[in-house]
């Protein structure tokens, strides 16, 4: 676990594991004209209970990091460092190592230092076997760059929806209830479990505009539009969303939930963060030039 954490350190990290506070050198910011700090904090919701039930913890680490970093990427932010707390009734060393190593992988990929964390045993607060994890990321962006991004959006721009990896980190209380009878019969490596515990994708390679989390594609996209503009999204088009290689399939987890007991496609879309087309992000692009 220590090696995984150290692999995320950038040149701005002057001290290693063991300090009471994580240290990050702000000197490189002197080369920026008007730096603005941007922060995001989030958790993984009831998905942690599924992870605990099947002993699959590494994907939770990915979820915690990517959920936070994807939020600030929308504003053109460079993620600098990440902090995390993990709590449980009783902490298991292998469990903690799996979660933290899972956090370190996406941090290393995007050049974000896993700067520090906290662990807490809270018997009486958490039931035996339960745990929870959350995280906070801090990044920086030029004020001019941040302010220009929304002003660039114009009527006639197109919305592009990259594929979602599945429900990701939303709606899991309902998912567990709907699929309770089936989940009791499957093993950790069975396809339904792999689909429901698939980690949240990181989208650093894309120029983001909306992070499709709780509320789904329809409720999140308007949050990034300037006054006077609205997104025109045909539901049939979402249902028939296509990727480069051909028709996009609904993520297996969401499709399974909707088939079994769901009352309507729209509700599934909002609660599980994705439409039947499997849209995980909304990227805005000029009709002629493509994604910005």
Protein backbone atom coordinates (compact mmCIF):
# COMPACT_ATOMS: atom_id res chain seq x y z
CA UNK A 1 0.00 0.00 0.00
CA UNK A 2 2.82 2.43 0.87
CA UNK A 3 4.45 1.92 -2.51
CA UNK A 4 1.13 2.55 -4.26
CA UNK A 5 0.68 5.83 -2.38
CA UNK A 6 4.24 6.97 -3.09
CA UNK A 7 3.74 6.25 -6.79
CA UNK A 8 1.28 9.16 -6.86
CA UNK A 9 3.73 11.72 -5.49
CA UNK A 10 4.62 14.57 -7.79
CA UNK A 11 7.52 16.99 -7.47
CA UNK A 12 5.27 19.24 -5.37
CA UNK A 13 5.11 16.71 -2.49
CA UNK A 14 8.04 17.50 -0.11
CA UNK A 15 7.25 14.92 2.60
CA UNK A 16 6.11 11.33 2.60
CA UNK A 17 3.77 9.18 4.65
CA UNK A 18 3.65 9.89 8.37
CA UNK A 19 3.21 13.66 8.59
CA UNK A 20 0.23 14.89 10.57
CA UNK A 21 -0.75 17.07 7.64
CA UNK A 22 -0.18 16.48 3.96
CA UNK A 23 2.28 18.97 2.47
CA UNK A 24 2.04 20.35 -1.06
CA UNK A 25 4.44 22.92 -2.49
CA UNK A 26 2.56 25.93 -3.90
CA UNK A 27 5.66 27.47 -5.50
CA UNK A 28 4.81 26.24 -9.05
CA UNK A 29 1.65 28.36 -8.90
CA UNK A 30 3.82 31.48 -9.24
CA UNK A 31 3.96 30.75 -12.98
CA UNK A 32 0.18 31.15 -13.22
CA UNK A 33 -1.37 34.58 -13.84
CA UNK A 34 -4.47 34.26 -11.63
CA UNK A 35 -4.79 30.79 -10.08
CA UNK A 36 -8.13 29.72 -8.63
CA UNK A 37 -8.40 26.79 -6.22
CA UNK A 38 -11.19 24.32 -6.97
CA UNK A 39 -12.24 21.54 -4.58
CA UNK A 40 -14.71 18.66 -4.63
CA UNK A 41 -15.68 16.10 -2.01
CA UNK A 42 -17.81 12.98 -2.40
CA UNK A 43 -18.40 9.40 -1.35
CA UNK A 44 -19.54 6.16 -2.93
CA UNK A 45 -22.96 5.83 -1.26
CA UNK A 46 -24.50 2.41 -0.63
CA UNK A 47 -22.21 0.76 -3.18
CA UNK A 48 -19.82 0.15 -0.29
CA UNK A 49 -22.24 -2.43 1.15
CA UNK A 50 -22.11 -4.48 -2.04
CA UNK A 51 -18.32 -4.24 -2.04
CA UNK A 52 -18.17 -5.44 1.56
CA UNK A 53 -20.61 -8.29 0.91
CA UNK A 54 -18.47 -9.64 -1.95
CA UNK A 55 -15.03 -8.66 -0.64
CA UNK A 56 -14.29 -6.46 -3.66
CA UNK A 57 -12.73 -3.25 -2.36
CA UNK A 58 -10.29 -1.95 -4.99
CA UNK A 59 -13.01 -0.64 -7.31
CA UNK A 60 -14.36 1.48 -4.45
CA UNK A 61 -11.03 3.30 -4.34
CA UNK A 62 -11.34 4.06 -8.06
CA UNK A 63 -14.90 5.31 -7.53
CA UNK A 64 -13.95 7.70 -4.73
CA UNK A 65 -11.14 9.32 -6.71
CA UNK A 66 -12.76 9.47 -10.14
CA UNK A 67 -16.06 10.77 -8.78
CA UNK A 68 -14.30 13.79 -7.25
CA UNK A 69 -11.78 14.42 -10.01
CA UNK A 70 -14.39 14.16 -12.78
CA UNK A 71 -16.37 16.92 -11.06
CA UNK A 72 -13.54 19.44 -11.16
CA UNK A 73 -12.37 18.44 -14.65
CA UNK A 74 -15.60 19.95 -15.96
CA UNK A 75 -14.18 23.37 -15.11
CA UNK A 76 -10.86 22.73 -16.83
CA UNK A 77 -9.09 22.15 -13.52
CA UNK A 78 -5.78 20.37 -13.06
CA UNK A 79 -6.18 18.04 -10.03
CA UNK A 80 -3.31 18.52 -7.59
CA UNK A 81 -3.92 16.31 -4.57
CA UNK A 82 -6.43 14.00 -2.94
CA UNK A 83 -7.34 13.22 0.70
CA UNK A 84 -9.45 10.37 2.02
CA UNK A 85 -11.06 9.05 5.23
CA UNK A 86 -12.01 5.39 5.70
CA UNK A 87 -14.17 4.24 8.61
CA UNK A 88 -15.50 0.86 9.72
CA UNK A 89 -16.69 -1.04 12.76
CA UNK A 90 -13.34 -2.84 12.65
CA UNK A 91 -10.67 -2.11 10.07
CA UNK A 92 -9.03 -5.02 8.29
CA UNK A 93 -5.51 -4.37 6.97
CA UNK A 94 -6.17 -6.09 3.65
CA UNK A 95 -9.44 -4.20 3.23
CA UNK A 96 -7.81 -0.81 3.84
CA UNK A 97 -4.87 -1.69 1.59
CA UNK A 98 -7.22 -2.65 -1.25
CA UNK A 99 -9.23 0.58 -1.00
CA UNK A 100 -6.15 2.83 -0.73
CA UNK A 101 -4.33 1.03 -3.54
CA UNK A 102 -7.51 1.42 -5.60
CA UNK A 103 -7.37 5.17 -4.95
CA UNK A 104 -3.69 5.34 -5.85
CA UNK A 105 -4.17 3.89 -9.36
CA UNK A 106 -6.37 6.70 -10.81
CA UNK A 107 -4.40 9.33 -8.84
CA UNK A 108 -1.17 8.10 -10.45
CA UNK A 109 -2.76 8.11 -13.92
CA UNK A 110 -3.80 11.77 -13.73
CA UNK A 111 -0.81 13.13 -11.81
CA UNK A 112 -2.77 13.80 -8.62
CA UNK A 113 -0.92 13.16 -5.35
CA UNK A 114 -2.64 10.94 -2.79
CA UNK A 115 -1.53 13.32 -0.09
CA UNK A 116 -3.03 11.89 3.05
CA UNK A 117 -5.89 10.07 4.69
CA UNK A 118 -7.51 9.01 7.92
CA UNK A 119 -8.77 5.69 9.23
CA UNK A 120 -11.25 5.26 12.06
CA UNK A 121 -12.74 2.28 13.87
CA UNK A 122 -16.26 3.15 15.02
CA UNK A 123 -17.89 0.11 16.54
CA UNK A 124 -21.46 0.91 17.50
CA UNK A 125 -21.74 3.39 14.65
CA UNK A 126 -21.11 0.86 11.86
CA UNK A 127 -22.48 -2.67 11.96
CA UNK A 128 -20.00 -5.54 11.82
CA UNK A 129 -18.50 -5.89 8.34
CA UNK A 130 -19.65 -2.46 7.12
CA UNK A 131 -17.32 0.35 6.08
CA UNK A 132 -17.45 3.71 4.37
CA UNK A 133 -15.05 5.81 2.36
CA UNK A 134 -15.01 9.31 0.96
CA UNK A 135 -12.54 11.74 -0.50
CA UNK A 136 -11.68 15.33 -1.30
CA UNK A 137 -9.65 16.61 -4.21
CA UNK A 138 -8.16 20.05 -4.72
CA UNK A 139 -7.04 21.44 -8.05
CA UNK A 140 -6.15 24.70 -9.72
CA UNK A 141 -7.21 26.56 -12.86
CA UNK A 142 -6.48 29.93 -14.41
CA UNK A 143 -9.33 32.33 -13.65
CA UNK A 144 -9.50 33.42 -17.28
CA UNK A 145 -9.73 29.83 -18.53
CA UNK A 146 -12.46 28.92 -16.07
CA UNK A 147 -14.59 31.96 -16.91
CA UNK A 148 -14.25 31.49 -20.68
CA UNK A 149 -15.44 27.89 -20.75
CA UNK A 150 -19.12 28.58 -20.18
CA UNK A 151 -19.12 31.65 -22.42
CA UNK A 152 -17.91 29.47 -25.32
CA UNK A 153 -21.13 27.44 -25.32
CA UNK A 154 -23.47 28.58 -28.08
CA UNK A 155 -26.75 27.62 -29.73
CA UNK A 156 -26.17 24.85 -32.27
CA UNK A 157 -23.42 23.10 -30.28
CA UNK A 158 -23.84 19.34 -30.09
CA UNK A 159 -23.98 17.10 -27.02
CA UNK A 160 -21.80 14.00 -27.10
CA UNK A 161 -22.41 11.25 -24.56
CA UNK A 162 -19.44 8.92 -23.89
CA UNK A 163 -20.39 5.54 -22.47
CA UNK A 164 -21.06 5.09 -18.78
CA UNK A 165 -19.46 2.20 -16.92
CA UNK A 166 -22.81 1.51 -15.21
CA UNK A 167 -24.61 2.88 -12.15
CA UNK A 168 -21.16 3.86 -10.79
CA UNK A 169 -22.04 5.33 -7.36
CA UNK A 170 -25.72 6.16 -7.31
CA UNK A 171 -28.96 4.33 -6.63
CA UNK A 172 -27.36 1.37 -4.86
CA UNK A 173 -29.84 1.24 -1.98
CA UNK A 174 -32.58 0.65 -4.51
CA UNK A 175 -30.42 -1.65 -6.65
CA UNK A 176 -29.68 -3.89 -3.68
CA UNK A 177 -33.36 -4.04 -2.80
CA UNK A 178 -34.48 -4.81 -6.34
CA UNK A 179 -31.85 -7.51 -6.88
CA UNK A 180 -31.69 -8.90 -3.33
CA UNK A 181 -32.93 -12.38 -4.24
CA UNK A 182 -30.48 -12.71 -7.14
CA UNK A 183 -27.43 -11.27 -5.37
CA UNK A 184 -27.78 -13.88 -2.65
CA UNK A 185 -27.10 -16.58 -5.24
CA UNK A 186 -24.08 -15.16 -7.07
CA UNK A 187 -20.33 -15.23 -6.45
CA UNK A 188 -17.88 -12.30 -6.45
CA UNK A 189 -16.60 -13.11 -9.96
CA UNK A 190 -20.03 -13.61 -11.55
CA UNK A 191 -20.99 -11.10 -14.30
CA UNK A 192 -23.80 -9.34 -12.35
CA UNK A 193 -21.42 -8.56 -9.49
CA UNK A 194 -18.67 -7.39 -11.85
CA UNK A 195 -21.15 -5.12 -13.64
CA UNK A 196 -22.51 -3.55 -10.45
CA UNK A 197 -19.05 -3.03 -8.95
CA UNK A 198 -17.46 -1.73 -12.17
CA UNK A 199 -15.48 1.38 -11.21
CA UNK A 200 -16.36 4.91 -12.15
CA UNK A 201 -14.47 5.88 -15.33
CA UNK A 202 -11.98 8.72 -15.25
CA UNK A 203 -12.42 11.23 -18.08
CA UNK A 204 -9.27 13.36 -17.98
CA UNK A 205 -8.71 12.80 -21.71
CA UNK A 206 -12.00 14.54 -22.54
CA UNK A 207 -12.84 18.23 -22.33
CA UNK A 208 -15.71 17.89 -19.91
CA UNK A 209 -18.92 19.83 -19.69
CA UNK A 210 -21.24 17.88 -17.40
CA UNK A 211 -20.56 15.07 -14.97
CA UNK A 212 -23.55 12.70 -15.06
CA UNK A 213 -24.03 11.77 -11.42
CA UNK A 214 -27.22 11.70 -9.33
CA UNK A 215 -30.07 13.03 -11.47
CA UNK A 216 -28.82 11.56 -14.72
CA UNK A 217 -28.14 13.06 -18.13
CA UNK A 218 -31.25 15.24 -18.26
CA UNK A 219 -30.86 16.88 -14.85
CA UNK A 220 -27.09 17.46 -14.88
CA UNK A 221 -26.47 18.84 -18.37
CA UNK A 222 -28.41 22.12 -17.79
CA UNK A 223 -26.11 22.93 -14.86
CA UNK A 224 -23.28 23.88 -17.24
CA UNK A 225 -25.32 25.88 -19.76
CA UNK A 226 -25.26 29.70 -19.77
CA UNK A 227 -28.51 31.66 -19.27
CA UNK A 228 -30.80 31.58 -22.28
CA UNK A 229 -29.70 28.18 -23.59
CA UNK A 230 -31.24 24.76 -23.04
CA UNK A 231 -30.29 21.29 -24.20
CA UNK A 232 -32.57 19.56 -26.71
CA UNK A 233 -32.36 15.81 -26.04
CA UNK A 234 -34.64 13.35 -27.79
CA UNK A 235 -35.32 10.38 -25.53
CA UNK A 236 -35.42 8.02 -28.49
CA UNK A 237 -31.95 9.18 -29.48
CA UNK A 238 -30.64 8.37 -26.01
CA UNK A 239 -32.19 4.94 -26.20
CA UNK A 240 -30.43 4.34 -29.50
CA UNK A 241 -27.14 6.03 -28.60
CA UNK A 242 -24.27 4.84 -30.76
CA UNK A 243 -20.58 4.57 -30.04
CA UNK A 244 -17.82 4.52 -32.64
CA UNK A 245 -18.04 0.76 -33.06
CA UNK A 246 -21.81 0.51 -33.39
CA UNK A 247 -24.93 0.55 -31.19
CA UNK A 248 -24.21 1.18 -27.53
CA UNK A 249 -25.68 -1.27 -25.08
CA UNK A 250 -27.12 -0.35 -21.72
CA UNK A 251 -24.66 -1.11 -18.94
CA UNK A 252 -25.46 -4.62 -17.73
CA UNK A 253 -26.23 -3.52 -14.17
CA UNK A 254 -28.71 -0.82 -15.18
CA UNK A 255 -30.35 -3.05 -17.79
CA UNK A 256 -30.79 -5.83 -15.22
CA UNK A 257 -32.39 -3.48 -12.68
CA UNK A 258 -34.78 -1.96 -15.19
CA UNK A 259 -35.85 -5.38 -16.54
CA UNK A 260 -36.71 -6.74 -13.13
CA UNK A 261 -38.89 -4.22 -11.31
CA UNK A 262 -38.38 -0.68 -12.49
CA UNK A 263 -41.30 1.66 -13.05
CA UNK A 264 -40.20 3.59 -16.11
CA UNK A 265 -37.03 4.36 -18.02
CA UNK A 266 -36.80 7.99 -16.82
CA UNK A 267 -36.67 7.05 -13.17
CA UNK A 268 -33.94 4.50 -13.81
CA UNK A 269 -32.00 7.14 -15.72
CA UNK A 270 -32.04 9.62 -12.86
CA UNK A 271 -31.39 7.23 -10.00
CA UNK A 272 -28.68 5.11 -11.62
CA UNK A 273 -26.93 8.09 -13.26
CA UNK A 274 -27.31 6.79 -16.78
CA UNK A 275 -29.94 6.45 -19.47
CA UNK A 276 -30.63 3.21 -21.25
CA UNK A 277 -28.14 4.39 -23.83
CA UNK A 278 -25.46 4.20 -21.15
CA UNK A 279 -24.47 7.89 -21.21
CA UNK A 280 -21.90 8.73 -18.53
CA UNK A 281 -20.82 12.24 -19.54
CA UNK A 282 -22.00 15.16 -21.60
CA UNK A 283 -19.31 16.77 -23.75
CA UNK A 284 -20.24 19.89 -25.66
CA UNK A 285 -18.77 20.50 -29.08
CA UNK A 286 -19.15 22.85 -32.00
CA UNK A 287 -21.17 21.19 -34.77
CA UNK A 288 -18.40 21.86 -37.28
CA UNK A 289 -15.28 21.45 -35.17
CA UNK A 290 -16.29 18.60 -32.89
CA UNK A 291 -15.65 18.37 -29.10
CA UNK A 292 -13.85 21.32 -27.51
